[in-house]
Amino acid sequence: MAANFGIPTSPLAALKQALDEQLSKGKSKLEQDFREAYPILEQHIARKMRKKVLVDQFNAAYKHELNLIQFRKLLKEERARRQADGDAARCTSCGRLLVEAEEMTAAVTTEEDAG
């Protein structure tokens, strides 16, 4: 009996293997990693941790090279996706949506900057 050492036996198997490999790297991998880390990221955003620190720590942990603009874009997209799914992140203490808490903090900061 011959051993199959990961060599596809048919064109369909080769296609499936190639597509599975694409899911495990590149943009899909980044999005998967971001979704996995999202709840922790939101908790630290709610604690007013600087996003630059979060980006650096995310990159170090997951071996990505995100910049702050890309991070904010992924954050916005993930918030919208979860909001649409009814799975928005909430504060573990008060139960408020973490996005609302951040928006309130941003509004206060903007008002203080204007004054």
N, C-alpha and C. Protein backbone atom coordinates (compact mmCIF):
# COMPACT_ATOMS: atom_id res chain seq x y z
N MET A 1 0.85 -1.18 0.00
CA MET A 1 0.00 0.00 0.00
C MET A 1 0.90 1.24 0.00
N ALA A 2 0.71 2.11 -0.96
CA ALA A 2 1.54 3.31 -1.09
C ALA A 2 1.02 4.40 -0.16
N ALA A 3 1.93 5.09 0.47
CA ALA A 3 1.55 6.18 1.36
C ALA A 3 1.37 7.46 0.55
N ASN A 4 0.36 8.23 0.90
CA ASN A 4 0.10 9.51 0.24
C ASN A 4 0.66 10.60 1.15
N PHE A 5 1.82 11.11 0.81
CA PHE A 5 2.51 12.09 1.64
C PHE A 5 2.06 13.51 1.33
N GLY A 6 0.74 13.75 1.38
CA GLY A 6 0.21 15.08 1.14
C GLY A 6 0.15 15.46 -0.33
N ILE A 7 0.40 14.48 -1.21
CA ILE A 7 0.36 14.74 -2.63
C ILE A 7 -1.07 14.49 -3.11
N PRO A 8 -1.71 15.50 -3.71
CA PRO A 8 -3.09 15.32 -4.16
C PRO A 8 -3.17 14.20 -5.19
N THR A 9 -4.23 13.42 -5.13
CA THR A 9 -4.38 12.29 -6.04
C THR A 9 -5.24 12.64 -7.26
N SER A 10 -5.88 13.81 -7.25
CA SER A 10 -6.73 14.21 -8.38
C SER A 10 -6.67 15.72 -8.53
N PRO A 11 -7.08 16.24 -9.68
CA PRO A 11 -7.12 17.70 -9.85
C PRO A 11 -8.02 18.38 -8.82
N LEU A 12 -9.14 17.75 -8.49
CA LEU A 12 -10.05 18.33 -7.50
C LEU A 12 -9.38 18.39 -6.12
N ALA A 13 -8.67 17.34 -5.76
CA ALA A 13 -7.95 17.33 -4.48
C ALA A 13 -6.86 18.40 -4.47
N ALA A 14 -6.17 18.57 -5.61
CA ALA A 14 -5.14 19.59 -5.71
C ALA A 14 -5.73 20.99 -5.55
N LEU A 15 -6.90 21.22 -6.17
CA LEU A 15 -7.58 22.51 -6.05
C LEU A 15 -7.99 22.76 -4.61
N LYS A 16 -8.58 21.76 -3.97
CA LYS A 16 -9.01 21.90 -2.58
C LYS A 16 -7.81 22.22 -1.69
N GLN A 17 -6.71 21.53 -1.87
CA GLN A 17 -5.52 21.76 -1.05
C GLN A 17 -4.99 23.17 -1.27
N ALA A 18 -4.94 23.62 -2.52
CA ALA A 18 -4.44 24.96 -2.82
C ALA A 18 -5.33 26.03 -2.20
N LEU A 19 -6.65 25.85 -2.29
CA LEU A 19 -7.57 26.83 -1.70
C LEU A 19 -7.49 26.83 -0.18
N ASP A 20 -7.35 25.66 0.43
CA ASP A 20 -7.19 25.57 1.88
C ASP A 20 -5.92 26.28 2.34
N GLU A 21 -4.86 26.16 1.55
CA GLU A 21 -3.61 26.84 1.90
C GLU A 21 -3.78 28.35 1.82
N GLN A 22 -4.54 28.83 0.84
CA GLN A 22 -4.79 30.27 0.72
C GLN A 22 -5.55 30.82 1.91
N LEU A 23 -6.47 29.99 2.44
CA LEU A 23 -7.21 30.42 3.63
C LEU A 23 -6.31 30.57 4.85
N SER A 24 -5.23 29.82 4.87
CA SER A 24 -4.36 29.84 6.04
C SER A 24 -3.27 30.90 5.95
N LYS A 25 -3.28 31.71 4.90
CA LYS A 25 -2.31 32.80 4.80
C LYS A 25 -2.92 33.98 4.08
N GLY A 26 -2.23 35.07 4.07
CA GLY A 26 -2.71 36.24 3.36
C GLY A 26 -3.84 36.96 4.08
N LYS A 27 -4.67 37.63 3.29
CA LYS A 27 -5.74 38.46 3.84
C LYS A 27 -6.73 37.64 4.66
N SER A 28 -7.06 36.45 4.18
CA SER A 28 -7.99 35.60 4.93
C SER A 28 -7.45 35.27 6.31
N LYS A 29 -6.18 34.97 6.38
CA LYS A 29 -5.54 34.66 7.66
C LYS A 29 -5.57 35.88 8.58
N LEU A 30 -5.29 37.04 8.03
CA LEU A 30 -5.33 38.28 8.81
C LEU A 30 -6.73 38.51 9.37
N GLU A 31 -7.74 38.35 8.53
CA GLU A 31 -9.12 38.57 8.98
C GLU A 31 -9.52 37.54 10.04
N GLN A 32 -9.11 36.29 9.87
CA GLN A 32 -9.40 35.26 10.87
C GLN A 32 -8.73 35.60 12.19
N ASP A 33 -7.48 36.00 12.13
CA ASP A 33 -6.75 36.34 13.34
C ASP A 33 -7.38 37.55 14.03
N PHE A 34 -7.78 38.54 13.24
CA PHE A 34 -8.39 39.74 13.82
C PHE A 34 -9.71 39.40 14.50
N ARG A 35 -10.51 38.56 13.85
CA ARG A 35 -11.79 38.14 14.46
C ARG A 35 -11.55 37.41 15.77
N GLU A 36 -10.52 36.59 15.80
CA GLU A 36 -10.20 35.85 17.02
C GLU A 36 -9.79 36.80 18.14
N ALA A 37 -9.00 37.80 17.81
CA ALA A 37 -8.47 38.73 18.81
C ALA A 37 -9.44 39.86 19.15
N TYR A 38 -10.47 40.05 18.35
CA TYR A 38 -11.37 41.20 18.49
C TYR A 38 -11.91 41.41 19.90
N PRO A 39 -12.45 40.41 20.58
CA PRO A 39 -13.00 40.68 21.92
C PRO A 39 -11.96 41.26 22.89
N ILE A 40 -10.76 40.75 22.82
CA ILE A 40 -9.70 41.24 23.71
C ILE A 40 -9.30 42.66 23.31
N LEU A 41 -9.23 42.90 22.02
CA LEU A 41 -8.89 44.25 21.55
C LEU A 41 -9.93 45.27 22.02
N GLU A 42 -11.21 44.91 21.90
CA GLU A 42 -12.27 45.83 22.34
C GLU A 42 -12.19 46.09 23.84
N GLN A 43 -11.89 45.07 24.60
CA GLN A 43 -11.77 45.26 26.05
C GLN A 43 -10.68 46.27 26.37
N HIS A 44 -9.57 46.19 25.66
CA HIS A 44 -8.46 47.12 25.93
C HIS A 44 -8.73 48.51 25.37
N ILE A 45 -9.49 48.59 24.28
CA ILE A 45 -9.90 49.90 23.77
C ILE A 45 -10.81 50.57 24.79
N ALA A 46 -11.70 49.80 25.39
CA ALA A 46 -12.61 50.34 26.41
C ALA A 46 -11.84 50.84 27.62
N ARG A 47 -10.68 50.26 27.87
CA ARG A 47 -9.83 50.69 28.99
C ARG A 47 -8.89 51.83 28.58
N LYS A 48 -9.18 52.39 27.39
CA LYS A 48 -8.46 53.55 26.86
C LYS A 48 -6.99 53.27 26.52
N MET A 49 -6.69 52.04 26.16
CA MET A 49 -5.34 51.72 25.70
C MET A 49 -5.17 52.29 24.30
N ARG A 50 -4.01 52.86 24.03
CA ARG A 50 -3.75 53.45 22.72
C ARG A 50 -3.79 52.38 21.64
N LYS A 51 -4.41 52.72 20.51
CA LYS A 51 -4.53 51.76 19.41
C LYS A 51 -3.17 51.40 18.85
N LYS A 52 -2.23 52.31 18.88
CA LYS A 52 -0.88 52.01 18.39
C LYS A 52 -0.27 50.85 19.18
N VAL A 53 -0.47 50.84 20.49
CA VAL A 53 0.03 49.75 21.32
C VAL A 53 -0.68 48.45 20.95
N LEU A 54 -1.99 48.53 20.73
CA LEU A 54 -2.74 47.34 20.34
C LEU A 54 -2.26 46.79 19.01
N VAL A 55 -2.01 47.66 18.05
CA VAL A 55 -1.51 47.24 16.73
C VAL A 55 -0.17 46.53 16.90
N ASP A 56 0.72 47.13 17.66
CA ASP A 56 2.05 46.54 17.86
C ASP A 56 1.96 45.17 18.52
N GLN A 57 1.11 45.06 19.53
CA GLN A 57 0.97 43.79 20.23
C GLN A 57 0.28 42.74 19.36
N PHE A 58 -0.72 43.16 18.59
CA PHE A 58 -1.38 42.24 17.66
C PHE A 58 -0.38 41.72 16.64
N ASN A 59 0.40 42.62 16.06
CA ASN A 59 1.41 42.23 15.07
C ASN A 59 2.43 41.26 15.66
N ALA A 60 2.86 41.53 16.87
CA ALA A 60 3.84 40.66 17.52
C ALA A 60 3.25 39.27 17.80
N ALA A 61 2.02 39.23 18.24
CA ALA A 61 1.40 37.95 18.61
C ALA A 61 1.06 37.12 17.38
N TYR A 62 0.54 37.75 16.34
CA TYR A 62 0.05 37.02 15.18
C TYR A 62 0.99 37.07 13.97
N LYS A 63 2.11 37.75 14.10
CA LYS A 63 3.11 37.84 13.03
C LYS A 63 2.55 38.50 11.76
N HIS A 64 1.81 39.60 11.96
CA HIS A 64 1.32 40.40 10.84
C HIS A 64 2.06 41.72 10.82
N GLU A 65 1.81 42.52 9.79
CA GLU A 65 2.45 43.82 9.67
C GLU A 65 1.41 44.91 9.41
N LEU A 66 0.39 44.94 10.26
CA LEU A 66 -0.65 45.96 10.14
C LEU A 66 -0.12 47.33 10.52
N ASN A 67 -0.64 48.35 9.85
CA ASN A 67 -0.38 49.70 10.34
C ASN A 67 -1.66 50.20 11.01
N LEU A 68 -1.62 51.37 11.59
CA LEU A 68 -2.75 51.88 12.35
C LEU A 68 -3.99 52.09 11.48
N ILE A 69 -3.80 52.54 10.25
CA ILE A 69 -4.94 52.75 9.36
C ILE A 69 -5.62 51.42 9.03
N GLN A 70 -4.84 50.41 8.72
CA GLN A 70 -5.40 49.09 8.43
C GLN A 70 -6.12 48.52 9.66
N PHE A 71 -5.52 48.73 10.83
CA PHE A 71 -6.12 48.25 12.07
C PHE A 71 -7.49 48.89 12.28
N ARG A 72 -7.56 50.20 12.12
CA ARG A 72 -8.83 50.91 12.29
C ARG A 72 -9.88 50.42 11.29
N LYS A 73 -9.46 50.16 10.06
CA LYS A 73 -10.38 49.66 9.04
C LYS A 73 -10.92 48.29 9.44
N LEU A 74 -10.03 47.39 9.85
CA LEU A 74 -10.47 46.06 10.29
C LEU A 74 -11.38 46.15 11.51
N LEU A 75 -11.06 47.05 12.42
CA LEU A 75 -11.87 47.24 13.62
C LEU A 75 -13.27 47.70 13.24
N LYS A 76 -13.36 48.68 12.36
CA LYS A 76 -14.65 49.20 11.91
C LYS A 76 -15.46 48.11 11.21
N GLU A 77 -14.82 47.35 10.34
CA GLU A 77 -15.50 46.28 9.62
C GLU A 77 -15.98 45.18 10.57
N GLU A 78 -15.15 44.81 11.53
CA GLU A 78 -15.53 43.75 12.46
C GLU A 78 -16.66 44.21 13.37
N ARG A 79 -16.64 45.46 13.79
CA ARG A 79 -17.74 46.00 14.59
C ARG A 79 -19.04 45.96 13.81
N ALA A 80 -18.99 46.38 12.56
CA ALA A 80 -20.20 46.38 11.72
C ALA A 80 -20.70 44.96 11.50
N ARG A 81 -19.79 44.04 11.24
CA ARG A 81 -20.18 42.65 11.01
C ARG A 81 -20.85 42.07 12.25
N ARG A 82 -20.24 42.30 13.40
CA ARG A 82 -20.80 41.76 14.64
C ARG A 82 -22.11 42.44 15.01
N GLN A 83 -22.20 43.73 14.76
CA GLN A 83 -23.45 44.46 15.05
C GLN A 83 -24.57 43.88 14.20
N ALA A 84 -24.28 43.62 12.92
CA ALA A 84 -25.29 43.06 12.01
C ALA A 84 -25.70 41.65 12.46
N ASP A 85 -24.76 40.91 13.02
CA ASP A 85 -25.04 39.55 13.51
C ASP A 85 -25.64 39.55 14.91
N GLY A 86 -25.75 40.73 15.53
CA GLY A 86 -26.27 40.81 16.90
C GLY A 86 -25.26 40.33 17.92
N ASP A 87 -23.98 40.43 17.58
CA ASP A 87 -22.91 39.93 18.44
C ASP A 87 -21.93 41.04 18.80
N ALA A 88 -22.43 42.22 19.09
CA ALA A 88 -21.56 43.35 19.41
C ALA A 88 -20.91 43.14 20.77
N ALA A 89 -19.69 43.61 20.90
CA ALA A 89 -18.94 43.47 22.16
C ALA A 89 -19.55 44.36 23.24
N ARG A 90 -19.62 43.82 24.43
CA ARG A 90 -20.20 44.55 25.57
C ARG A 90 -19.21 44.60 26.72
N CYS A 91 -19.34 45.65 27.51
CA CYS A 91 -18.53 45.80 28.71
C CYS A 91 -18.90 44.68 29.69
N THR A 92 -17.90 44.03 30.27
CA THR A 92 -18.18 42.95 31.21
C THR A 92 -18.71 43.48 32.53
N SER A 93 -18.47 44.75 32.83
CA SER A 93 -18.95 45.34 34.09
C SER A 93 -20.37 45.85 34.00
N CYS A 94 -20.62 46.73 33.01
CA CYS A 94 -21.92 47.40 32.95
C CYS A 94 -22.84 46.87 31.86
N GLY A 95 -22.32 46.09 30.93
CA GLY A 95 -23.15 45.53 29.87
C GLY A 95 -23.37 46.44 28.68
N ARG A 96 -22.82 47.66 28.71
CA ARG A 96 -22.97 48.59 27.58
C ARG A 96 -22.17 48.10 26.39
N LEU A 97 -22.64 48.46 25.21
CA LEU A 97 -21.86 48.17 24.01
C LEU A 97 -20.54 48.91 24.10
N LEU A 98 -19.45 48.23 23.84
CA LEU A 98 -18.14 48.87 23.94
C LEU A 98 -17.97 49.96 22.88
N VAL A 99 -18.59 49.79 21.73
CA VAL A 99 -18.51 50.82 20.69
C VAL A 99 -19.17 52.10 21.17
N GLU A 100 -20.32 51.99 21.85
CA GLU A 100 -20.99 53.18 22.38
C GLU A 100 -20.10 53.88 23.40
N ALA A 101 -19.46 53.11 24.25
CA ALA A 101 -18.58 53.69 25.26
C ALA A 101 -17.43 54.44 24.60
N GLU A 102 -16.86 53.86 23.53
CA GLU A 102 -15.77 54.54 22.85
C GLU A 102 -16.26 55.79 22.14
N GLU A 103 -17.44 55.72 21.52
CA GLU A 103 -18.00 56.89 20.84
C GLU A 103 -18.27 58.02 21.82
N MET A 104 -18.75 57.67 23.03
CA MET A 104 -19.00 58.69 24.04
C MET A 104 -17.68 59.34 24.47
N THR A 105 -16.64 58.53 24.64
CA THR A 105 -15.33 59.05 25.03
C THR A 105 -14.78 59.96 23.93
N ALA A 106 -14.96 59.57 22.66
CA ALA A 106 -14.49 60.38 21.54
C ALA A 106 -15.24 61.69 21.49
N ALA A 107 -16.55 61.68 21.76
CA ALA A 107 -17.34 62.91 21.74
C ALA A 107 -16.89 63.87 22.82
N VAL A 108 -16.62 63.36 24.02
CA VAL A 108 -16.15 64.20 25.12
C VAL A 108 -14.80 64.80 24.76
N THR A 109 -13.91 63.99 24.19
CA THR A 109 -12.59 64.46 23.81
C THR A 109 -12.70 65.55 22.76
N THR A 110 -13.58 65.37 21.79
CA THR A 110 -13.79 66.35 20.72
C THR A 110 -14.32 67.66 21.32
N GLU A 111 -15.26 67.57 22.25
CA GLU A 111 -15.81 68.77 22.88
C GLU A 111 -14.72 69.50 23.66
N GLU A 112 -13.88 68.74 24.35
CA GLU A 112 -12.80 69.37 25.13
C GLU A 112 -11.79 70.04 24.20
N ASP A 113 -11.49 69.39 23.05
CA ASP A 113 -10.55 69.97 22.09
C ASP A 113 -11.09 71.26 21.47
N ALA A 114 -12.43 71.32 21.29
CA ALA A 114 -13.05 72.49 20.67
C ALA A 114 -13.08 73.69 21.63
N GLY A 115 -13.10 73.40 22.94
CA GLY A 115 -13.25 74.46 23.95
C GLY A 115 -12.02 75.16 24.30
